Amino acid sequence: MNRGDRREPIFRDDEDRQQVISTLGVLLNVQVYWLAINVYLANFISIVLVSLWNFFLLNLKRCSPG
């Protein structure tokens, strides 16, 4: 049986335990979803920044005298 720090029950009954586990599962799925979006956006932003940097360097070489 699961007990708290004072040997008190953590859950009132099995239904309560199932509700807590279900809620944690939903929260974990949301966290994974947001992590995936953040990684995608970070990769997209880095690709855009590198592309812009390369574009400006290419134009700087074209416009430089000599």
Protein backbone atom coordinates (compact mmCIF):
# COMPACT_ATOMS: atom_id res chain seq x y z
CA MET A 1 0.00 0.00 0.00
CA ASN A 2 1.23 3.52 -0.82
CA ARG A 3 1.86 5.71 2.20
CA GLY A 4 2.76 9.34 2.63
CA ASP A 5 5.54 10.75 4.79
CA ARG A 6 3.47 10.28 7.99
CA ARG A 7 2.32 6.78 7.02
CA GLU A 8 -1.02 8.24 5.88
CA PRO A 9 -2.66 6.87 2.74
CA ILE A 10 -1.81 8.87 -0.37
CA PHE A 11 -5.05 8.00 -2.15
CA ARG A 12 -8.55 7.69 -0.67
CA ASP A 13 -9.49 4.72 -2.84
CA ASP A 14 -8.67 3.00 -6.13
CA GLU A 15 -10.83 5.45 -8.10
CA ASP A 16 -8.86 8.37 -6.64
CA ARG A 17 -5.58 6.66 -7.55
CA GLN A 18 -6.77 6.07 -11.12
CA GLN A 19 -7.82 9.73 -11.44
CA VAL A 20 -4.39 10.96 -10.29
CA ILE A 21 -2.60 8.62 -12.69
CA SER A 22 -4.88 9.69 -15.54
CA THR A 23 -4.29 13.38 -14.79
CA LEU A 24 -0.52 12.87 -14.67
CA GLY A 25 -0.69 11.05 -18.01
CA VAL A 26 -2.53 13.95 -19.61
CA LEU A 27 -0.05 16.46 -18.20
CA LEU A 28 2.87 14.38 -19.44
CA ASN A 29 1.39 14.22 -22.94
CA VAL A 30 0.93 17.99 -22.95
CA GLN A 31 4.54 18.50 -21.84
CA VAL A 32 5.83 16.19 -24.59
CA TYR A 33 3.69 18.01 -27.15
CA TRP A 34 5.00 21.43 -26.14
CA LEU A 35 8.57 20.15 -26.05
CA ALA A 36 8.20 18.86 -29.60
CA ILE A 37 6.79 22.21 -30.76
CA ASN A 38 9.63 24.12 -29.06
CA VAL A 39 12.28 21.89 -30.65
CA TYR A 40 10.63 22.30 -34.06
CA LEU A 41 10.46 26.09 -33.68
CA ALA A 42 14.06 26.29 -32.46
CA ASN A 43 15.25 24.29 -35.47
CA PHE A 44 13.15 26.40 -37.83
CA ILE A 45 14.46 29.65 -36.37
CA SER A 46 18.07 28.46 -36.54
CA ILE A 47 17.62 27.45 -40.20
CA VAL A 48 16.13 30.85 -41.01
CA LEU A 49 18.93 32.69 -39.21
CA VAL A 50 21.66 30.68 -40.93
CA SER A 51 19.98 31.21 -44.29
CA LEU A 52 19.76 34.96 -43.72
CA TRP A 53 23.37 35.08 -42.57
CA ASN A 54 24.53 33.24 -45.68
CA PHE A 55 22.40 35.50 -47.88
CA PHE A 56 23.92 38.63 -46.38
CA LEU A 57 27.46 37.26 -46.62
CA LEU A 58 26.92 36.36 -50.28
CA ASN A 59 25.59 39.85 -51.05
CA LEU A 60 28.38 41.45 -49.06
CA LYS A 61 30.95 39.62 -51.22
CA ARG A 62 29.14 40.69 -54.39
CA CYS A 63 28.96 44.34 -53.34
CA SER A 64 32.48 44.67 -52.00
CA PRO A 65 34.95 46.46 -54.25
CA GLY A 66 37.72 44.49 -55.81
